[in-house]
Every structure is written in C-alpha cells, then in structure tokens.
Amino acid sequence: QVQLVESGGGLVQPGGSLTLSCAASGSIFNIITMGWYRRAPGKKRELVAIASDRLTNYADAVKGRFAISRDNAKNMVYLQMNSLKPEDTAIYYCNFYTRSYDYWGQGTQVTVSS
C-alpha cells in the first residue's frame, strides 16, 4: 500500500516561515487533487489548501500567506507557509485524492510560538 509521508514541520516564531513537503512512497496514478489539511488542538480537521492540475484554493485564514504547489512527476506536494501566526499551530496532513482511493499522511506538527 502506497503511503504519504510529510516532512518540514517544527517550531517557529510568529512571523516566521516553514515549508512542508509530502511524498508518496510509490507511484500513484490519476491524482485529481493534492491538498493540505490541519487539525488544531480541540478542533476538527480543516482544509488549508488544495490543488488540481489547473486550480488552487485556500482557506480564508491562510490566503496571501500560504502557497501550495505540486510536482506530478514526483508525486509530491508542498506547502510554503509565511507570516505564521500562533493560530496556525496544528498537525498538518497531506492528501492525494483519486477516484479509487483517498490517501492520507500521518501528519507533521507545526508549532508557532515565541
């Protein structure tokens, strides 16, 4: 079974930047969307950013600060996070959606604190 593995999380001060990466352990075909979700303590998982081949969409809370990009050839997706705020603290999960299966990573912790 192909797995998704996130990396790049960590502790950062408010106003700082991090880049998250997500790689598939094998080949995944016919990916419709690649996305990033997050779950903050005590809250439900929410969409952060999602990318199809032609379009991207962002949660209002991260518009103008985060940027998603995908590399179809490498089966990878990235999330560039700038101007980080304490409320961005969460576990971040990547997702690859296909018609036959919905792939999820195990998550990477992002903590924004001084």
N, C-alpha and C. Protein backbone atom coordinates (compact mmCIF):
# COMPACT_ATOMS: atom_id res chain seq x y z
N GLN A 1 0.84 -1.17 0.00
CA GLN A 1 0.00 0.00 0.00
C GLN A 1 0.89 1.25 0.00
N VAL A 2 0.66 2.14 -0.95
CA VAL A 2 1.44 3.36 -1.02
C VAL A 2 1.07 4.26 0.15
N GLN A 3 2.08 4.89 0.72
CA GLN A 3 1.86 5.79 1.85
C GLN A 3 2.34 7.18 1.50
N LEU A 4 1.76 8.17 2.19
CA LEU A 4 2.21 9.55 2.08
C LEU A 4 3.01 9.90 3.33
N VAL A 5 4.12 10.59 3.13
CA VAL A 5 4.99 10.96 4.25
C VAL A 5 5.24 12.46 4.21
N GLU A 6 4.83 13.14 5.28
CA GLU A 6 5.06 14.58 5.38
C GLU A 6 6.39 14.86 6.08
N SER A 7 6.96 16.01 5.78
CA SER A 7 8.17 16.47 6.46
C SER A 7 8.18 18.00 6.45
N GLY A 8 9.04 18.56 7.30
CA GLY A 8 9.22 20.01 7.31
C GLY A 8 8.56 20.73 8.46
N GLY A 9 7.82 20.01 9.29
CA GLY A 9 7.20 20.67 10.43
C GLY A 9 8.23 21.02 11.50
N GLY A 10 7.77 21.76 12.50
CA GLY A 10 8.67 22.13 13.58
C GLY A 10 8.16 23.31 14.35
N LEU A 11 9.06 23.88 15.15
CA LEU A 11 8.75 25.05 15.97
C LEU A 11 9.28 26.30 15.27
N VAL A 12 8.44 27.31 15.17
CA VAL A 12 8.84 28.54 14.51
C VAL A 12 8.23 29.71 15.27
N GLN A 13 8.91 30.84 15.26
CA GLN A 13 8.39 32.03 15.93
C GLN A 13 7.32 32.70 15.08
N PRO A 14 6.42 33.43 15.70
CA PRO A 14 5.43 34.18 14.92
C PRO A 14 6.11 35.09 13.89
N GLY A 15 5.54 35.09 12.70
CA GLY A 15 6.13 35.84 11.60
C GLY A 15 7.11 35.05 10.77
N GLY A 16 7.46 33.87 11.23
CA GLY A 16 8.42 33.04 10.53
C GLY A 16 7.80 32.25 9.39
N SER A 17 8.64 31.42 8.77
CA SER A 17 8.22 30.63 7.61
C SER A 17 8.62 29.17 7.78
N LEU A 18 7.85 28.31 7.17
CA LEU A 18 8.17 26.88 7.07
C LEU A 18 7.68 26.39 5.72
N THR A 19 8.34 25.35 5.22
CA THR A 19 7.87 24.68 4.02
C THR A 19 7.63 23.21 4.34
N LEU A 20 6.42 22.77 4.13
CA LEU A 20 6.07 21.37 4.30
C LEU A 20 6.18 20.63 2.97
N SER A 21 6.61 19.40 3.04
CA SER A 21 6.69 18.55 1.86
C SER A 21 5.93 17.26 2.12
N CYS A 22 5.40 16.68 1.07
CA CYS A 22 4.70 15.41 1.18
C CYS A 22 5.08 14.56 -0.03
N ALA A 23 5.56 13.37 0.25
CA ALA A 23 5.98 12.47 -0.82
C ALA A 23 5.25 11.14 -0.71
N ALA A 24 4.96 10.57 -1.85
CA ALA A 24 4.35 9.24 -1.90
C ALA A 24 5.46 8.19 -1.92
N SER A 25 5.24 7.09 -1.21
CA SER A 25 6.26 6.04 -1.15
C SER A 25 6.30 5.21 -2.42
N GLY A 26 5.33 5.36 -3.29
CA GLY A 26 5.30 4.67 -4.57
C GLY A 26 4.53 5.48 -5.58
N SER A 27 4.25 4.91 -6.70
CA SER A 27 3.54 5.63 -7.74
C SER A 27 2.04 5.64 -7.47
N ILE A 28 1.46 6.81 -7.65
CA ILE A 28 0.00 6.97 -7.58
C ILE A 28 -0.44 7.61 -8.87
N PHE A 29 -1.42 7.01 -9.52
CA PHE A 29 -1.84 7.50 -10.83
C PHE A 29 -3.20 8.18 -10.74
N ASN A 30 -3.43 9.03 -11.70
CA ASN A 30 -4.72 9.71 -11.83
C ASN A 30 -5.12 10.48 -10.57
N ILE A 31 -4.15 11.22 -10.04
CA ILE A 31 -4.45 12.04 -8.87
C ILE A 31 -5.30 13.23 -9.31
N ILE A 32 -6.42 13.41 -8.68
CA ILE A 32 -7.31 14.51 -9.04
C ILE A 32 -6.91 15.78 -8.29
N THR A 33 -6.76 15.66 -6.99
CA THR A 33 -6.31 16.80 -6.20
C THR A 33 -5.24 16.37 -5.21
N MET A 34 -4.36 17.32 -4.89
CA MET A 34 -3.40 17.19 -3.80
C MET A 34 -3.71 18.32 -2.83
N GLY A 35 -3.72 18.02 -1.56
CA GLY A 35 -4.11 19.06 -0.62
C GLY A 35 -3.42 18.93 0.73
N TRP A 36 -3.60 20.00 1.49
CA TRP A 36 -3.12 20.05 2.86
C TRP A 36 -4.30 20.38 3.78
N TYR A 37 -4.37 19.67 4.88
CA TYR A 37 -5.38 19.87 5.91
C TYR A 37 -4.65 20.03 7.24
N ARG A 38 -5.36 20.54 8.21
CA ARG A 38 -4.74 20.66 9.54
C ARG A 38 -5.79 20.44 10.62
N ARG A 39 -5.31 20.00 11.78
CA ARG A 39 -6.17 19.84 12.94
C ARG A 39 -5.48 20.48 14.13
N ALA A 40 -6.09 21.55 14.62
CA ALA A 40 -5.58 22.24 15.80
C ALA A 40 -6.11 21.55 17.05
N PRO A 41 -5.46 21.73 18.18
CA PRO A 41 -5.92 21.10 19.42
C PRO A 41 -7.37 21.46 19.72
N GLY A 42 -8.19 20.45 19.94
CA GLY A 42 -9.58 20.68 20.30
C GLY A 42 -10.49 21.06 19.15
N LYS A 43 -9.96 21.02 17.92
CA LYS A 43 -10.76 21.43 16.77
C LYS A 43 -10.83 20.30 15.74
N LYS A 44 -11.76 20.42 14.82
CA LYS A 44 -11.89 19.44 13.75
C LYS A 44 -10.84 19.70 12.67
N ARG A 45 -10.58 18.66 11.89
CA ARG A 45 -9.67 18.82 10.77
C ARG A 45 -10.30 19.77 9.74
N GLU A 46 -9.48 20.65 9.17
CA GLU A 46 -9.98 21.62 8.21
C GLU A 46 -9.06 21.69 7.00
N LEU A 47 -9.64 22.08 5.89
CA LEU A 47 -8.87 22.25 4.66
C LEU A 47 -8.01 23.50 4.78
N VAL A 48 -6.74 23.38 4.38
CA VAL A 48 -5.84 24.53 4.33
C VAL A 48 -5.67 25.00 2.89
N ALA A 49 -5.32 24.07 2.00
CA ALA A 49 -5.08 24.40 0.60
C ALA A 49 -5.24 23.15 -0.23
N ILE A 50 -5.70 23.34 -1.46
CA ILE A 50 -5.91 22.20 -2.34
C ILE A 50 -5.57 22.61 -3.76
N ALA A 51 -5.00 21.67 -4.53
CA ALA A 51 -4.59 21.98 -5.89
C ALA A 51 -4.99 20.86 -6.83
N SER A 52 -5.68 21.22 -7.90
CA SER A 52 -5.88 20.31 -9.02
C SER A 52 -4.81 20.65 -10.05
N ASP A 53 -4.92 20.09 -11.23
CA ASP A 53 -3.94 20.42 -12.27
C ASP A 53 -4.01 21.88 -12.68
N ARG A 54 -5.19 22.49 -12.55
CA ARG A 54 -5.37 23.84 -13.08
C ARG A 54 -5.69 24.89 -12.02
N LEU A 55 -6.21 24.45 -10.90
CA LEU A 55 -6.71 25.42 -9.92
C LEU A 55 -6.13 25.16 -8.54
N THR A 56 -6.07 26.24 -7.76
CA THR A 56 -5.74 26.12 -6.35
C THR A 56 -6.80 26.85 -5.53
N ASN A 57 -6.97 26.41 -4.30
CA ASN A 57 -7.94 27.04 -3.43
C ASN A 57 -7.38 27.03 -2.01
N TYR A 58 -7.68 28.09 -1.27
CA TYR A 58 -7.13 28.24 0.07
C TYR A 58 -8.22 28.58 1.07
N ALA A 59 -8.00 28.16 2.30
CA ALA A 59 -8.86 28.62 3.38
C ALA A 59 -8.66 30.11 3.56
N ASP A 60 -9.70 30.82 3.92
CA ASP A 60 -9.61 32.27 4.09
C ASP A 60 -8.52 32.64 5.09
N ALA A 61 -8.33 31.81 6.11
CA ALA A 61 -7.38 32.14 7.17
C ALA A 61 -5.93 32.16 6.70
N VAL A 62 -5.66 31.51 5.55
CA VAL A 62 -4.27 31.41 5.10
C VAL A 62 -4.03 32.11 3.77
N LYS A 63 -5.06 32.66 3.16
CA LYS A 63 -4.90 33.33 1.86
C LYS A 63 -3.89 34.46 1.96
N GLY A 64 -2.99 34.50 0.99
CA GLY A 64 -1.97 35.53 0.97
C GLY A 64 -0.75 35.20 1.79
N ARG A 65 -0.83 34.13 2.60
CA ARG A 65 0.33 33.75 3.42
C ARG A 65 0.89 32.38 3.05
N PHE A 66 0.02 31.48 2.61
CA PHE A 66 0.43 30.11 2.27
C PHE A 66 0.35 29.92 0.76
N ALA A 67 1.19 29.03 0.25
CA ALA A 67 1.15 28.70 -1.18
C ALA A 67 1.37 27.20 -1.35
N ILE A 68 0.46 26.58 -2.09
CA ILE A 68 0.57 25.15 -2.37
C ILE A 68 1.14 24.96 -3.77
N SER A 69 1.97 23.95 -3.92
CA SER A 69 2.48 23.61 -5.24
C SER A 69 2.60 22.09 -5.33
N ARG A 70 2.47 21.58 -6.53
CA ARG A 70 2.52 20.14 -6.73
C ARG A 70 3.48 19.78 -7.84
N ASP A 71 4.12 18.62 -7.69
CA ASP A 71 5.02 18.08 -8.70
C ASP A 71 4.45 16.73 -9.10
N ASN A 72 3.73 16.70 -10.20
CA ASN A 72 3.06 15.47 -10.62
C ASN A 72 4.06 14.37 -10.95
N ALA A 73 5.16 14.74 -11.54
CA ALA A 73 6.15 13.72 -11.95
C ALA A 73 6.73 13.00 -10.75
N LYS A 74 6.87 13.72 -9.64
CA LYS A 74 7.47 13.14 -8.45
C LYS A 74 6.43 12.70 -7.43
N ASN A 75 5.15 12.91 -7.73
CA ASN A 75 4.09 12.61 -6.75
C ASN A 75 4.38 13.31 -5.43
N MET A 76 4.61 14.63 -5.51
CA MET A 76 4.89 15.40 -4.31
C MET A 76 4.05 16.66 -4.29
N VAL A 77 3.77 17.11 -3.09
CA VAL A 77 3.07 18.37 -2.89
C VAL A 77 3.77 19.13 -1.77
N TYR A 78 3.76 20.46 -1.91
CA TYR A 78 4.46 21.31 -0.96
C TYR A 78 3.49 22.37 -0.43
N LEU A 79 3.82 22.87 0.75
CA LEU A 79 3.07 23.98 1.31
C LEU A 79 4.07 24.98 1.88
N GLN A 80 4.19 26.12 1.20
CA GLN A 80 5.04 27.20 1.70
C GLN A 80 4.19 28.06 2.63
N MET A 81 4.64 28.19 3.87
CA MET A 81 3.88 28.94 4.87
C MET A 81 4.70 30.13 5.34
N ASN A 82 4.17 31.31 5.11
CA ASN A 82 4.84 32.55 5.50
C ASN A 82 3.99 33.30 6.52
N SER A 83 4.63 34.26 7.20
CA SER A 83 3.92 35.09 8.18
C SER A 83 3.10 34.24 9.13
N LEU A 84 3.72 33.23 9.67
CA LEU A 84 3.00 32.28 10.52
C LEU A 84 2.52 32.94 11.81
N LYS A 85 1.34 32.49 12.24
CA LYS A 85 0.70 33.02 13.44
C LYS A 85 0.51 31.88 14.46
N PRO A 86 0.39 32.22 15.73
CA PRO A 86 0.14 31.16 16.72
C PRO A 86 -1.07 30.31 16.39
N GLU A 87 -2.09 30.90 15.79
CA GLU A 87 -3.29 30.13 15.44
C GLU A 87 -3.07 29.16 14.29
N ASP A 88 -1.90 29.20 13.65
CA ASP A 88 -1.57 28.19 12.64
C ASP A 88 -1.03 26.90 13.27
N THR A 89 -0.83 26.91 14.57
CA THR A 89 -0.36 25.72 15.26
C THR A 89 -1.35 24.58 15.09
N ALA A 90 -0.85 23.45 14.59
CA ALA A 90 -1.72 22.31 14.30
C ALA A 90 -0.87 21.16 13.78
N ILE A 91 -1.51 20.01 13.65
CA ILE A 91 -0.91 18.91 12.89
C ILE A 91 -1.38 19.06 11.45
N TYR A 92 -0.44 19.05 10.55
CA TYR A 92 -0.74 19.23 9.12
C TYR A 92 -0.66 17.88 8.40
N TYR A 93 -1.68 17.61 7.62
CA TYR A 93 -1.79 16.34 6.89
C TYR A 93 -1.86 16.61 5.39
N CYS A 94 -1.17 15.80 4.62
CA CYS A 94 -1.33 15.90 3.18
C CYS A 94 -2.32 14.84 2.69
N ASN A 95 -2.89 15.11 1.56
CA ASN A 95 -3.92 14.23 0.99
C ASN A 95 -3.79 14.18 -0.53
N PHE A 96 -3.84 12.97 -1.08
CA PHE A 96 -3.92 12.76 -2.52
C PHE A 96 -5.26 12.08 -2.78
N TYR A 97 -6.10 12.73 -3.57
CA TYR A 97 -7.41 12.16 -3.87
C TYR A 97 -7.44 11.62 -5.29
N THR A 98 -7.83 10.34 -5.39
CA THR A 98 -8.09 9.74 -6.70
C THR A 98 -9.51 9.17 -6.67
N ARG A 99 -10.01 8.76 -7.81
CA ARG A 99 -11.37 8.21 -7.83
C ARG A 99 -11.45 6.87 -7.11
N SER A 100 -10.33 6.18 -7.00
CA SER A 100 -10.37 4.84 -6.41
C SER A 100 -9.93 4.82 -4.96
N TYR A 101 -9.20 5.86 -4.52
CA TYR A 101 -8.69 5.84 -3.15
C TYR A 101 -8.34 7.25 -2.69
N ASP A 102 -8.45 7.44 -1.37
CA ASP A 102 -8.14 8.71 -0.74
C ASP A 102 -6.93 8.48 0.17
N TYR A 103 -5.78 9.04 -0.21
CA TYR A 103 -4.54 8.79 0.54
C TYR A 103 -4.31 9.90 1.55
N TRP A 104 -3.86 9.51 2.75
CA TRP A 104 -3.56 10.47 3.80
C TRP A 104 -2.19 10.18 4.41
N GLY A 105 -1.48 11.24 4.78
CA GLY A 105 -0.25 11.07 5.52
C GLY A 105 -0.53 10.97 7.01
N GLN A 106 0.53 10.73 7.77
CA GLN A 106 0.40 10.58 9.21
C GLN A 106 0.39 11.93 9.94
N GLY A 107 0.81 12.97 9.26
CA GLY A 107 0.79 14.30 9.86
C GLY A 107 2.15 14.76 10.33
N THR A 108 2.33 16.08 10.31
CA THR A 108 3.55 16.69 10.84
C THR A 108 3.14 17.89 11.69
N GLN A 109 3.77 18.01 12.85
CA GLN A 109 3.39 19.05 13.80
C GLN A 109 4.03 20.38 13.42
N VAL A 110 3.22 21.43 13.40
CA VAL A 110 3.70 22.80 13.23
C VAL A 110 3.29 23.57 14.48
N THR A 111 4.28 24.15 15.14
CA THR A 111 4.02 24.94 16.34
C THR A 111 4.58 26.34 16.14
N VAL A 112 3.71 27.33 16.30
CA VAL A 112 4.11 28.73 16.14
C VAL A 112 4.04 29.38 17.52
N SER A 113 5.20 29.69 18.05
CA SER A 113 5.26 30.22 19.41
C SER A 113 6.56 30.97 19.63
N SER A 114 6.49 31.99 20.46
CA SER A 114 7.70 32.72 20.82
C SER A 114 8.30 32.16 22.10
